[in-house]
Amino acid sequence: MTPKPGEISLAHNGVLFLDELPEFERKVLDSLREPMETGTVTISRAARQMEFPAQFQLIAALNPSPTGCHNDKRATPDQVMRYLSRVSGPFIDRIDLQIELPRLNSTQLQSTEAEETSATVRARVEAAYNLQLNRQGKVNARLNNKEMSVHCALATAELQFLAKASEKLALSPRSYHRVIKVARTISDLKGQENISLDELKEALNYRAFERLLSQLTQY
């Protein structure tokens, strides 16, 4: 039987969206780890082996607890941990932006204040994208460690801050480097040449899953 491209190859140069992430089998999610790193997927069938492109952007959604909210007191920390443990740490390591969306209050729901237009946001993103291509020939997410030492260099104060934050949150080496890349991108969106503490703090705030696990293990 001739191997055919699956969902992740069909999402090449596009978006792969996984809703209710913990409901997927853990082995299925972990099978995404290598393609997320290499941008390719290899399928072996008997004596045949084929490689398909798989440079996709993964977007996933999950409830932080089996009851919908981890602090609603309807589930114990142990129950929440068991639910979240369906998603492995190495898989989460590969997700750069982990954002918690809190419930909106009535004032926010009824607000008529104008937001930024999509055109304004797009212009800012395109400017940052072009800046990265002109500076290093690729986007920040594709930088290797050697390239990061040139294009994502941190000053002493920033290095010390990140070291302390990394220890507190128990960041893996992969997460550590991804925080720096995200901070570099935030700086690019602001049009700044260097990465400051503000950008590092914002990048760390996008590791919501690690922060949640850190909170739960303190009970």
C-alpha atoms as a PDB file:
ATOM      1  CA  MET A   1       0.000   0.000   0.000  1.00  0.00           C
ATOM      2  CA  THR A   2       1.433   3.362  -1.041  1.00  0.00           C
ATOM      3  CA  PRO A   3       1.776   5.783   1.909  1.00  0.00           C
ATOM      4  CA  LYS A   4      -0.343   8.882   1.568  1.00  0.00           C
ATOM      5  CA  PRO A   5       0.024  12.267   3.300  1.00  0.00           C
ATOM      6  CA  GLY A   6      -2.003  12.623   6.486  1.00  0.00           C
ATOM      7  CA  GLU A   7      -3.459  15.608   8.277  1.00  0.00           C
ATOM      8  CA  ILE A   8      -0.145  17.212   9.235  1.00  0.00           C
ATOM      9  CA  SER A   9       1.165  17.111   5.657  1.00  0.00           C
ATOM     10  CA  LEU A  10      -2.154  18.397   4.353  1.00  0.00           C
ATOM     11  CA  ALA A  11      -1.614  21.308   6.785  1.00  0.00           C
ATOM     12  CA  HIS A  12       1.833  22.058   5.257  1.00  0.00           C
ATOM     13  CA  ASN A  13       2.366  25.837   5.113  1.00  0.00           C
ATOM     14  CA  GLY A  14      -0.918  26.237   6.941  1.00  0.00           C
ATOM     15  CA  VAL A  15      -2.545  25.674  10.325  1.00  0.00           C
ATOM     16  CA  LEU A  16      -3.300  22.414  12.142  1.00  0.00           C
ATOM     17  CA  PHE A  17      -5.953  23.064  14.813  1.00  0.00           C
ATOM     18  CA  LEU A  18      -6.548  20.550  17.610  1.00  0.00           C
ATOM     19  CA  ASP A  19      -9.528  21.275  19.850  1.00  0.00           C
ATOM     20  CA  GLU A  20      -9.968  19.669  23.305  1.00  0.00           C
ATOM     21  CA  LEU A  21      -6.290  18.695  23.289  1.00  0.00           C
ATOM     22  CA  PRO A  22      -6.315  16.243  26.269  1.00  0.00           C
ATOM     23  CA  GLU A  23      -9.007  14.175  24.534  1.00  0.00           C
ATOM     24  CA  PHE A  24      -6.497  13.054  21.884  1.00  0.00           C
ATOM     25  CA  GLU A  25      -4.520   9.898  22.641  1.00  0.00           C
ATOM     26  CA  ARG A  26      -1.144  10.765  24.149  1.00  0.00           C
ATOM     27  CA  LYS A  27       0.730   8.667  21.570  1.00  0.00           C
ATOM     28  CA  VAL A  28      -0.995  10.594  18.770  1.00  0.00           C
ATOM     29  CA  LEU A  29       0.104  13.940  20.217  1.00  0.00           C
ATOM     30  CA  ASP A  30       3.640  12.696  20.838  1.00  0.00           C
ATOM     31  CA  SER A  31       3.865  11.567  17.208  1.00  0.00           C
ATOM     32  CA  LEU A  32       3.655  15.266  16.299  1.00  0.00           C
ATOM     33  CA  ARG A  33       6.845  16.123  18.198  1.00  0.00           C
ATOM     34  CA  GLU A  34       9.348  15.224  15.480  1.00  0.00           C
ATOM     35  CA  PRO A  35       7.437  16.884  12.606  1.00  0.00           C
ATOM     36  CA  MET A  36       7.107  20.033  14.750  1.00  0.00           C
ATOM     37  CA  GLU A  37      10.921  20.103  15.028  1.00  0.00           C
ATOM     38  CA  THR A  38      11.953  18.971  11.548  1.00  0.00           C
ATOM     39  CA  GLY A  39       9.087  20.154   9.347  1.00  0.00           C
ATOM     40  CA  THR A  40       8.840  16.701   7.751  1.00  0.00           C
ATOM     41  CA  VAL A  41       7.102  13.396   8.475  1.00  0.00           C
ATOM     42  CA  THR A  42       8.462   9.990   7.487  1.00  0.00           C
ATOM     43  CA  ILE A  43       6.113   7.059   6.866  1.00  0.00           C
ATOM     44  CA  SER A  44       7.466   3.515   6.640  1.00  0.00           C
ATOM     45  CA  ARG A  45       5.476   0.662   5.121  1.00  0.00           C
ATOM     46  CA  ALA A  46       7.288  -2.690   4.804  1.00  0.00           C
ATOM     47  CA  ALA A  47      10.261  -2.016   2.503  1.00  0.00           C
ATOM     48  CA  ARG A  48       9.018   1.394   1.424  1.00  0.00           C
ATOM     49  CA  GLN A  49       9.658   4.705   3.115  1.00  0.00           C
ATOM     50  CA  MET A  50       8.387   8.123   2.085  1.00  0.00           C
ATOM     51  CA  GLU A  51       8.957  11.594   3.449  1.00  0.00           C
ATOM     52  CA  PHE A  52       6.290  14.281   3.285  1.00  0.00           C
ATOM     53  CA  PRO A  53       6.596  18.007   4.058  1.00  0.00           C
ATOM     54  CA  ALA A  54       4.954  19.085   7.323  1.00  0.00           C
ATOM     55  CA  GLN A  55       5.821  22.675   8.142  1.00  0.00           C
ATOM     56  CA  PHE A  56       2.560  23.529   9.827  1.00  0.00           C
ATOM     57  CA  GLN A  57       1.590  25.961  12.557  1.00  0.00           C
ATOM     58  CA  LEU A  58      -0.014  24.067  15.424  1.00  0.00           C
ATOM     59  CA  ILE A  59      -2.859  25.747  17.298  1.00  0.00           C
ATOM     60  CA  ALA A  60      -4.497  23.821  20.115  1.00  0.00           C
ATOM     61  CA  ALA A  61      -7.181  24.531  22.695  1.00  0.00           C
ATOM     62  CA  LEU A  62      -7.908  22.876  26.011  1.00  0.00           C
ATOM     63  CA  ASN A  63      -9.774  23.453  29.239  1.00  0.00           C
ATOM     64  CA  PRO A  64      -7.364  23.830  32.187  1.00  0.00           C
ATOM     65  CA  SER A  65      -9.399  21.287  34.166  1.00  0.00           C
ATOM     66  CA  PRO A  66     -11.931  18.485  33.532  1.00  0.00           C
ATOM     67  CA  THR A  67     -14.607  20.829  34.946  1.00  0.00           C
ATOM     68  CA  GLY A  68     -13.629  23.734  32.697  1.00  0.00           C
ATOM     69  CA  CYS A  69     -11.733  25.972  35.159  1.00  0.00           C
ATOM     70  CA  HIS A  70      -8.877  24.842  37.409  1.00  0.00           C
ATOM     71  CA  ASN A  71      -9.799  27.183  40.297  1.00  0.00           C
ATOM     72  CA  ASP A  72     -13.571  26.642  40.400  1.00  0.00           C
ATOM     73  CA  LYS A  73     -13.083  24.144  43.298  1.00  0.00           C
ATOM     74  CA  ARG A  74     -15.116  21.462  41.532  1.00  0.00           C
ATOM     75  CA  ALA A  75     -11.987  19.410  40.879  1.00  0.00           C
ATOM     76  CA  THR A  76      -9.084  18.657  43.207  1.00  0.00           C
ATOM     77  CA  PRO A  77      -5.494  19.506  42.211  1.00  0.00           C
ATOM     78  CA  ASP A  78      -4.875  15.759  41.749  1.00  0.00           C
ATOM     79  CA  GLN A  79      -7.808  15.491  39.347  1.00  0.00           C
ATOM     80  CA  VAL A  80      -6.579  18.502  37.395  1.00  0.00           C
ATOM     81  CA  MET A  81      -3.045  17.073  37.252  1.00  0.00           C
ATOM     82  CA  ARG A  82      -4.313  13.723  35.949  1.00  0.00           C
ATOM     83  CA  TYR A  83      -6.326  15.522  33.287  1.00  0.00           C
ATOM     84  CA  LEU A  84      -3.437  17.725  32.151  1.00  0.00           C
ATOM     85  CA  SER A  85      -0.941  14.851  32.271  1.00  0.00           C
ATOM     86  CA  ARG A  86      -2.643  13.420  29.202  1.00  0.00           C
ATOM     87  CA  VAL A  87      -0.512  15.979  27.352  1.00  0.00           C
ATOM     88  CA  SER A  88       3.187  15.194  27.761  1.00  0.00           C
ATOM     89  CA  GLY A  89       5.792  17.724  28.863  1.00  0.00           C
ATOM     90  CA  PRO A  90       7.965  17.239  25.738  1.00  0.00           C
ATOM     91  CA  PHE A  91       4.924  18.008  23.573  1.00  0.00           C
ATOM     92  CA  ILE A  92       4.101  21.180  25.537  1.00  0.00           C
ATOM     93  CA  ASP A  93       7.777  22.190  25.285  1.00  0.00           C
ATOM     94  CA  ARG A  94       7.301  22.605  21.562  1.00  0.00           C
ATOM     95  CA  ILE A  95       4.426  25.097  21.888  1.00  0.00           C
ATOM     96  CA  ASP A  96       5.849  28.620  22.006  1.00  0.00           C
ATOM     97  CA  LEU A  97       2.764  30.562  23.079  1.00  0.00           C
ATOM     98  CA  GLN A  98       0.646  29.090  25.874  1.00  0.00           C
ATOM     99  CA  ILE A  99      -2.055  31.590  26.691  1.00  0.00           C
ATOM    100  CA  GLU A 100      -4.780  31.417  29.325  1.00  0.00           C
ATOM    101  CA  LEU A 101      -8.038  33.064  28.336  1.00  0.00           C
ATOM    102  CA  PRO A 102      -9.904  34.153  31.485  1.00  0.00           C
ATOM    103  CA  ARG A 103     -13.645  34.530  31.594  1.00  0.00           C
ATOM    104  CA  LEU A 104     -14.873  37.947  30.555  1.00  0.00           C
ATOM    105  CA  ASN A 105     -16.848  39.941  33.079  1.00  0.00           C
ATOM    106  CA  SER A 106     -20.051  41.785  32.163  1.00  0.00           C
ATOM    107  CA  THR A 107     -18.237  45.098  31.673  1.00  0.00           C
ATOM    108  CA  GLN A 108     -15.860  43.547  29.168  1.00  0.00           C
ATOM    109  CA  LEU A 109     -18.686  41.764  27.367  1.00  0.00           C
ATOM    110  CA  GLN A 110     -20.636  45.007  26.988  1.00  0.00           C
ATOM    111  CA  SER A 111     -17.661  47.181  26.074  1.00  0.00           C
ATOM    112  CA  THR A 112     -17.937  49.133  22.819  1.00  0.00           C
ATOM    113  CA  GLU A 113     -14.386  50.451  22.934  1.00  0.00           C
ATOM    114  CA  ALA A 114     -12.732  50.221  19.530  1.00  0.00           C
ATOM    115  CA  GLU A 115      -9.993  47.620  19.126  1.00  0.00           C
ATOM    116  CA  GLU A 116      -7.070  47.561  16.729  1.00  0.00           C
ATOM    117  CA  THR A 117      -8.094  46.669  13.212  1.00  0.00           C
ATOM    118  CA  SER A 118      -6.822  43.520  11.526  1.00  0.00           C
ATOM    119  CA  ALA A 119      -5.110  45.712   8.932  1.00  0.00           C
ATOM    120  CA  THR A 120      -3.119  47.508  11.640  1.00  0.00           C
ATOM    121  CA  VAL A 121      -2.020  44.238  13.251  1.00  0.00           C
ATOM    122  CA  ARG A 122      -1.137  42.737   9.875  1.00  0.00           C
ATOM    123  CA  ALA A 123       1.060  45.700   8.979  1.00  0.00           C
ATOM    124  CA  ARG A 124       2.968  45.343  12.252  1.00  0.00           C
ATOM    125  CA  VAL A 125       3.445  41.592  11.755  1.00  0.00           C
ATOM    126  CA  GLU A 126       4.614  42.025   8.164  1.00  0.00           C
ATOM    127  CA  ALA A 127       7.138  44.663   9.260  1.00  0.00           C
ATOM    128  CA  ALA A 128       8.546  42.296  11.921  1.00  0.00           C
ATOM    129  CA  TYR A 129       8.620  39.414   9.432  1.00  0.00           C
ATOM    130  CA  ASN A 130      10.542  41.440   6.861  1.00  0.00           C
ATOM    131  CA  LEU A 131      12.923  42.682   9.563  1.00  0.00           C
ATOM    132  CA  GLN A 132      13.767  39.070  10.479  1.00  0.00           C
ATOM    133  CA  LEU A 133      14.331  38.036   6.861  1.00  0.00           C
ATOM    134  CA  ASN A 134      16.605  41.020   6.233  1.00  0.00           C
ATOM    135  CA  ARG A 135      18.569  40.423   9.446  1.00  0.00           C
ATOM    136  CA  GLN A 136      19.069  36.660   9.337  1.00  0.00           C
ATOM    137  CA  GLY A 137      17.375  35.227   6.238  1.00  0.00           C
ATOM    138  CA  LYS A 138      14.738  33.293   8.213  1.00  0.00           C
ATOM    139  CA  VAL A 139      12.114  33.765  10.906  1.00  0.00           C
ATOM    140  CA  ASN A 140      13.162  33.654  14.559  1.00  0.00           C
ATOM    141  CA  ALA A 141      11.491  30.281  15.145  1.00  0.00           C
ATOM    142  CA  ARG A 142      13.941  28.651  12.692  1.00  0.00           C
ATOM    143  CA  LEU A 143      17.125  29.954  14.340  1.00  0.00           C
ATOM    144  CA  ASN A 144      19.524  27.341  15.678  1.00  0.00           C
ATOM    145  CA  ASN A 145      21.503  27.869  18.894  1.00  0.00           C
ATOM    146  CA  LYS A 146      24.557  29.244  17.089  1.00  0.00           C
ATOM    147  CA  GLU A 147      22.443  31.755  15.174  1.00  0.00           C
ATOM    148  CA  MET A 148      20.647  32.726  18.386  1.00  0.00           C
ATOM    149  CA  SER A 149      23.959  33.727  19.981  1.00  0.00           C
ATOM    150  CA  VAL A 150      24.328  36.305  17.202  1.00  0.00           C
ATOM    151  CA  HIS A 151      20.781  37.544  16.676  1.00  0.00           C
ATOM    152  CA  CYS A 152      19.241  36.977  20.133  1.00  0.00           C
ATOM    153  CA  ALA A 153      22.109  37.989  22.412  1.00  0.00           C
ATOM    154  CA  LEU A 154      21.115  39.002  25.955  1.00  0.00           C
ATOM    155  CA  ALA A 155      22.828  41.503  28.238  1.00  0.00           C
ATOM    156  CA  THR A 156      24.012  40.463  31.713  1.00  0.00           C
ATOM    157  CA  ALA A 157      20.896  41.646  33.574  1.00  0.00           C
ATOM    158  CA  GLU A 158      18.596  39.857  31.141  1.00  0.00           C
ATOM    159  CA  LEU A 159      20.633  36.631  31.375  1.00  0.00           C
ATOM    160  CA  GLN A 160      20.496  36.690  35.175  1.00  0.00           C
ATOM    161  CA  PHE A 161      16.747  37.309  35.185  1.00  0.00           C
ATOM    162  CA  LEU A 162      16.083  34.486  32.723  1.00  0.00           C
ATOM    163  CA  ALA A 163      18.274  32.094  34.712  1.00  0.00           C
ATOM    164  CA  LYS A 164      16.261  32.731  37.888  1.00  0.00           C
ATOM    165  CA  ALA A 165      12.937  32.474  36.058  1.00  0.00           C
ATOM    166  CA  SER A 166      14.045  29.258  34.372  1.00  0.00           C
ATOM    167  CA  GLU A 167      14.869  27.671  37.723  1.00  0.00           C
ATOM    168  CA  LYS A 168      11.583  28.777  39.298  1.00  0.00           C
ATOM    169  CA  LEU A 169       9.474  27.461  36.426  1.00  0.00           C
ATOM    170  CA  ALA A 170      11.700  24.406  35.849  1.00  0.00           C
ATOM    171  CA  LEU A 171      12.012  25.235  32.168  1.00  0.00           C
ATOM    172  CA  SER A 172      13.646  22.645  29.946  1.00  0.00           C
ATOM    173  CA  PRO A 173      16.547  23.720  27.690  1.00  0.00           C
ATOM    174  CA  ARG A 174      14.122  23.715  24.761  1.00  0.00           C
ATOM    175  CA  SER A 175      11.660  25.983  26.591  1.00  0.00           C
ATOM    176  CA  TYR A 176      14.530  28.239  27.682  1.00  0.00           C
ATOM    177  CA  HIS A 177      15.604  28.844  24.097  1.00  0.00           C
ATOM    178  CA  ARG A 178      12.037  29.232  22.875  1.00  0.00           C
ATOM    179  CA  VAL A 179      11.417  31.962  25.456  1.00  0.00           C
ATOM    180  CA  ILE A 180      14.372  33.867  24.015  1.00  0.00           C
ATOM    181  CA  LYS A 181      13.063  33.473  20.460  1.00  0.00           C
ATOM    182  CA  VAL A 182       9.633  34.724  21.485  1.00  0.00           C
ATOM    183  CA  ALA A 183      11.231  37.683  23.278  1.00  0.00           C
ATOM    184  CA  ARG A 184      13.221  38.431  20.105  1.00  0.00           C
ATOM    185  CA  THR A 185       9.983  38.426  18.109  1.00  0.00           C
ATOM    186  CA  ILE A 186       8.270  40.746  20.590  1.00  0.00           C
ATOM    187  CA  SER A 187      11.227  43.126  20.251  1.00  0.00           C
ATOM    188  CA  ASP A 188      10.915  42.947  16.468  1.00  0.00           C
ATOM    189  CA  LEU A 189       7.207  43.783  16.657  1.00  0.00           C
ATOM    190  CA  LYS A 190       8.169  46.865  18.669  1.00  0.00           C
ATOM    191  CA  GLY A 191      10.952  47.736  16.231  1.00  0.00           C
ATOM    192  CA  GLN A 192      13.589  47.426  18.950  1.00  0.00           C
ATOM    193  CA  GLU A 193      17.156  46.339  18.228  1.00  0.00           C
ATOM    194  CA  ASN A 194      17.815  44.561  21.536  1.00  0.00           C
ATOM    195  CA  ILE A 195      15.846  42.262  23.855  1.00  0.00           C
ATOM    196  CA  SER A 196      15.030  43.954  27.157  1.00  0.00           C
ATOM    197  CA  LEU A 197      13.635  42.661  30.458  1.00  0.00           C
ATOM    198  CA  ASP A 198      10.148  43.715  29.403  1.00  0.00           C
ATOM    199  CA  GLU A 199      10.220  41.422  26.375  1.00  0.00           C
ATOM    200  CA  LEU A 200      11.586  38.510  28.416  1.00  0.00           C
ATOM    201  CA  LYS A 201       8.884  38.944  31.047  1.00  0.00           C
ATOM    202  CA  GLU A 202       6.194  39.014  28.378  1.00  0.00           C
ATOM    203  CA  ALA A 203       7.631  35.905  26.695  1.00  0.00           C
ATOM    204  CA  LEU A 204       7.643  34.067  30.037  1.00  0.00           C
ATOM    205  CA  ASN A 205       4.008  35.035  30.562  1.00  0.00           C
ATOM    206  CA  TYR A 206       3.246  33.053  27.426  1.00  0.00           C
ATOM    207  CA  ARG A 207       4.304  29.817  29.178  1.00  0.00           C
ATOM    208  CA  ALA A 208       0.921  29.495  30.919  1.00  0.00           C
ATOM    209  CA  PHE A 209       0.948  25.703  31.011  1.00  0.00           C
ATOM    210  CA  GLU A 210       4.224  25.590  32.972  1.00  0.00           C
ATOM    211  CA  ARG A 211       2.929  28.235  35.389  1.00  0.00           C
ATOM    212  CA  LEU A 212      -0.286  26.290  35.971  1.00  0.00           C
ATOM    213  CA  LEU A 213       1.594  23.063  36.689  1.00  0.00           C
ATOM    214  CA  SER A 214       3.930  24.967  39.026  1.00  0.00           C
ATOM    215  CA  GLN A 215       0.933  26.298  40.961  1.00  0.00           C
ATOM    216  CA  LEU A 216      -0.718  22.878  41.240  1.00  0.00           C
ATOM    217  CA  THR A 217       2.423  21.163  42.539  1.00  0.00           C
ATOM    218  CA  GLN A 218       2.509  23.624  45.463  1.00  0.00           C
ATOM    219  CA  TYR A 219      -0.692  22.180  47.012  1.00  0.00           C
END
